[in-house]
Each structure stands twice: as C-alpha cells, then as structure tokens.
Amino acid sequence: MNILNPLIVTDPGILKTNIITKLNNNLKTTAKIYSEVQG
C-alpha cells in the first residue's frame, strides 16, 4: 500500500502502550492519532 496520510483512531488506553510507536516506525510518515473521539 502507498498510504500518504495515515491516521489511527483508537482509545486512550492503547496510547499508553508502545503499539502506536511500533506502527509509526513502520510507516513512511507519522500517523495522525485520534483517541478522544466520542460516538
């Protein structure tokens, strides 16, 4: 895939782990993170 503007929608608990860092390390650009989305 050739993703130019990645974004991640997650919950605040996931941000406390290193999962987002691992994802960003494998992307060409840093993903935008949305963790306070209310549905």
PDB file of N, CA and C in Angstrom:
ATOM      1  N   MET A   1       0.834  -1.188   0.000  1.00  0.00           N
ATOM      2  CA  MET A   1       0.000   0.000   0.000  1.00  0.00           C
ATOM      3  C   MET A   1       0.876   1.248   0.000  1.00  0.00           C
ATOM      4  N   ASN A   2       0.363   2.254  -0.615  1.00  0.00           N
ATOM      5  CA  ASN A   2       1.065   3.528  -0.662  1.00  0.00           C
ATOM      6  C   ASN A   2       0.231   4.572   0.075  1.00  0.00           C
ATOM      7  N   ILE A   3       0.230   4.501   1.395  1.00  0.00           N
ATOM      8  CA  ILE A   3      -0.577   5.402   2.218  1.00  0.00           C
ATOM      9  C   ILE A   3       0.207   6.688   2.443  1.00  0.00           C
ATOM     10  N   LEU A   4      -0.376   7.819   2.040  1.00  0.00           N
ATOM     11  CA  LEU A   4       0.326   9.094   2.138  1.00  0.00           C
ATOM     12  C   LEU A   4       0.046   9.840   3.434  1.00  0.00           C
ATOM     13  N   ASN A   5      -1.174   9.753   3.952  1.00  0.00           N
ATOM     14  CA  ASN A   5      -1.563  10.470   5.163  1.00  0.00           C
ATOM     15  C   ASN A   5      -2.263   9.517   6.127  1.00  0.00           C
ATOM     16  N   PRO A   6      -1.506   8.664   6.807  1.00  0.00           N
ATOM     17  CA  PRO A   6      -2.135   7.681   7.686  1.00  0.00           C
ATOM     18  C   PRO A   6      -2.761   8.322   8.915  1.00  0.00           C
ATOM     19  N   LEU A   7      -3.843   7.718   9.390  1.00  0.00           N
ATOM     20  CA  LEU A   7      -4.440   8.140  10.650  1.00  0.00           C
ATOM     21  C   LEU A   7      -4.864   6.908  11.419  1.00  0.00           C
ATOM     22  N   ILE A   8      -4.849   7.045  12.725  1.00  0.00           N
ATOM     23  CA  ILE A   8      -5.220   5.956  13.614  1.00  0.00           C
ATOM     24  C   ILE A   8      -6.281   6.477  14.563  1.00  0.00           C
ATOM     25  N   VAL A   9      -7.397   5.772  14.639  1.00  0.00           N
ATOM     26  CA  VAL A   9      -8.454   6.083  15.600  1.00  0.00           C
ATOM     27  C   VAL A   9      -8.435   4.968  16.629  1.00  0.00           C
ATOM     28  N   THR A  10      -8.243   5.330  17.885  1.00  0.00           N
ATOM     29  CA  THR A  10      -8.094   4.341  18.944  1.00  0.00           C
ATOM     30  C   THR A  10      -8.642   4.888  20.252  1.00  0.00           C
ATOM     31  N   ASP A  11      -8.515   4.118  21.300  1.00  0.00           N
ATOM     32  CA  ASP A  11      -8.943   4.599  22.612  1.00  0.00           C
ATOM     33  C   ASP A  11      -7.711   5.030  23.410  1.00  0.00           C
ATOM     34  N   PRO A  12      -7.903   5.848  24.447  1.00  0.00           N
ATOM     35  CA  PRO A  12      -6.767   6.356  25.220  1.00  0.00           C
ATOM     36  C   PRO A  12      -5.910   5.257  25.850  1.00  0.00           C
ATOM     37  N   GLY A  13      -6.484   4.118  26.162  1.00  0.00           N
ATOM     38  CA  GLY A  13      -5.717   3.030  26.759  1.00  0.00           C
ATOM     39  C   GLY A  13      -4.638   2.495  25.845  1.00  0.00           C
ATOM     40  N   ILE A  14      -4.918   2.447  24.556  1.00  0.00           N
ATOM     41  CA  ILE A  14      -3.926   1.967  23.585  1.00  0.00           C
ATOM     42  C   ILE A  14      -2.736   2.927  23.514  1.00  0.00           C
ATOM     43  N   LEU A  15      -2.997   4.217  23.698  1.00  0.00           N
ATOM     44  CA  LEU A  15      -1.902   5.193  23.644  1.00  0.00           C
ATOM     45  C   LEU A  15      -0.888   4.976  24.761  1.00  0.00           C
ATOM     46  N   LYS A  16      -1.287   4.332  25.836  1.00  0.00           N
ATOM     47  CA  LYS A  16      -0.384   4.074  26.959  1.00  0.00           C
ATOM     48  C   LYS A  16       0.574   2.921  26.673  1.00  0.00           C
ATOM     49  N   THR A  17       0.360   2.219  25.580  1.00  0.00           N
ATOM     50  CA  THR A  17       1.238   1.113  25.199  1.00  0.00           C
ATOM     51  C   THR A  17       2.205   1.592  24.118  1.00  0.00           C
ATOM     52  N   ASN A  18       3.055   0.705  23.646  1.00  0.00           N
ATOM     53  CA  ASN A  18       4.003   1.080  22.584  1.00  0.00           C
ATOM     54  C   ASN A  18       3.527   0.666  21.194  1.00  0.00           C
ATOM     55  N   ILE A  19       2.269   0.283  21.078  1.00  0.00           N
ATOM     56  CA  ILE A  19       1.748  -0.168  19.785  1.00  0.00           C
ATOM     57  C   ILE A  19       1.797   0.945  18.741  1.00  0.00           C
ATOM     58  N   ILE A  20       1.403   2.155  19.117  1.00  0.00           N
ATOM     59  CA  ILE A  20       1.389   3.272  18.165  1.00  0.00           C
ATOM     60  C   ILE A  20       2.810   3.583  17.700  1.00  0.00           C
ATOM     61  N   THR A  21       3.759   3.550  18.607  1.00  0.00           N
ATOM     62  CA  THR A  21       5.162   3.778  18.241  1.00  0.00           C
ATOM     63  C   THR A  21       5.634   2.735  17.244  1.00  0.00           C
ATOM     64  N   LYS A  22       5.294   1.490  17.481  1.00  0.00           N
ATOM     65  CA  LYS A  22       5.681   0.422  16.552  1.00  0.00           C
ATOM     66  C   LYS A  22       5.061   0.641  15.179  1.00  0.00           C
ATOM     67  N   LEU A  23       3.795   1.048  15.144  1.00  0.00           N
ATOM     68  CA  LEU A  23       3.150   1.322  13.860  1.00  0.00           C
ATOM     69  C   LEU A  23       3.846   2.466  13.133  1.00  0.00           C
ATOM     70  N   ASN A  24       4.087   3.570  13.841  1.00  0.00           N
ATOM     71  CA  ASN A  24       4.728   4.722  13.214  1.00  0.00           C
ATOM     72  C   ASN A  24       6.132   4.393  12.723  1.00  0.00           C
ATOM     73  N   ASN A  25       6.838   3.525  13.413  1.00  0.00           N
ATOM     74  CA  ASN A  25       8.185   3.140  12.979  1.00  0.00           C
ATOM     75  C   ASN A  25       8.165   2.385  11.655  1.00  0.00           C
ATOM     76  N   ASN A  26       7.028   1.814  11.293  1.00  0.00           N
ATOM     77  CA  ASN A  26       6.915   1.059  10.046  1.00  0.00           C
ATOM     78  C   ASN A  26       6.252   1.849   8.925  1.00  0.00           C
ATOM     79  N   LEU A  27       5.916   3.096   9.184  1.00  0.00           N
ATOM     80  CA  LEU A  27       5.299   3.949   8.173  1.00  0.00           C
ATOM     81  C   LEU A  27       6.325   4.925   7.617  1.00  0.00           C
ATOM     82  N   LYS A  28       6.065   5.401   6.409  1.00  0.00           N
ATOM     83  CA  LYS A  28       6.953   6.394   5.800  1.00  0.00           C
ATOM     84  C   LYS A  28       6.764   7.764   6.434  1.00  0.00           C
ATOM     85  N   THR A  29       5.556   8.053   6.907  1.00  0.00           N
ATOM     86  CA  THR A  29       5.265   9.308   7.594  1.00  0.00           C
ATOM     87  C   THR A  29       4.583   8.982   8.919  1.00  0.00           C
ATOM     88  N   THR A  30       4.560   9.935   9.831  1.00  0.00           N
ATOM     89  CA  THR A  30       3.939   9.722  11.131  1.00  0.00           C
ATOM     90  C   THR A  30       2.428   9.829  11.006  1.00  0.00           C
ATOM     91  N   ALA A  31       1.733   8.870  11.573  1.00  0.00           N
ATOM     92  CA  ALA A  31       0.272   8.854  11.525  1.00  0.00           C
ATOM     93  C   ALA A  31      -0.308   9.889  12.477  1.00  0.00           C
ATOM     94  N   LYS A  32      -1.442  10.455  12.090  1.00  0.00           N
ATOM     95  CA  LYS A  32      -2.198  11.321  12.986  1.00  0.00           C
ATOM     96  C   LYS A  32      -3.015  10.418  13.901  1.00  0.00           C
ATOM     97  N   ILE A  33      -3.027  10.738  15.187  1.00  0.00           N
ATOM     98  CA  ILE A  33      -3.691   9.903  16.178  1.00  0.00           C
ATOM     99  C   ILE A  33      -4.935  10.614  16.694  1.00  0.00           C
ATOM    100  N   TYR A  34      -6.058   9.896  16.691  1.00  0.00           N
ATOM    101  CA  TYR A  34      -7.307  10.387  17.260  1.00  0.00           C
ATOM    102  C   TYR A  34      -7.730   9.393  18.333  1.00  0.00           C
ATOM    103  N   SER A  35      -7.708   9.837  19.593  1.00  0.00           N
ATOM    104  CA  SER A  35      -8.030   8.910  20.673  1.00  0.00           C
ATOM    105  C   SER A  35      -9.149   9.400  21.582  1.00  0.00           C
ATOM    106  N   GLU A  36      -9.641  10.580  21.346  1.00  0.00           N
ATOM    107  CA  GLU A  36     -10.704  11.130  22.191  1.00  0.00           C
ATOM    108  C   GLU A  36     -12.005  11.303  21.409  1.00  0.00           C
ATOM    109  N   VAL A  37     -12.228  10.469  20.413  1.00  0.00           N
ATOM    110  CA  VAL A  37     -13.424  10.550  19.574  1.00  0.00           C
ATOM    111  C   VAL A  37     -14.624  10.054  20.375  1.00  0.00           C
ATOM    112  N   GLN A  38     -15.676  10.832  20.408  1.00  0.00           N
ATOM    113  CA  GLN A  38     -16.908  10.458  21.098  1.00  0.00           C
ATOM    114  C   GLN A  38     -17.952  10.054  20.064  1.00  0.00           C
ATOM    115  N   GLY A  39     -18.578   8.911  20.263  1.00  0.00           N
ATOM    116  CA  GLY A  39     -19.560   8.411  19.302  1.00  0.00           C
ATOM    117  C   GLY A  39     -20.977   8.647  19.706  1.00  0.00           C
TER     118      GLY A  39
END
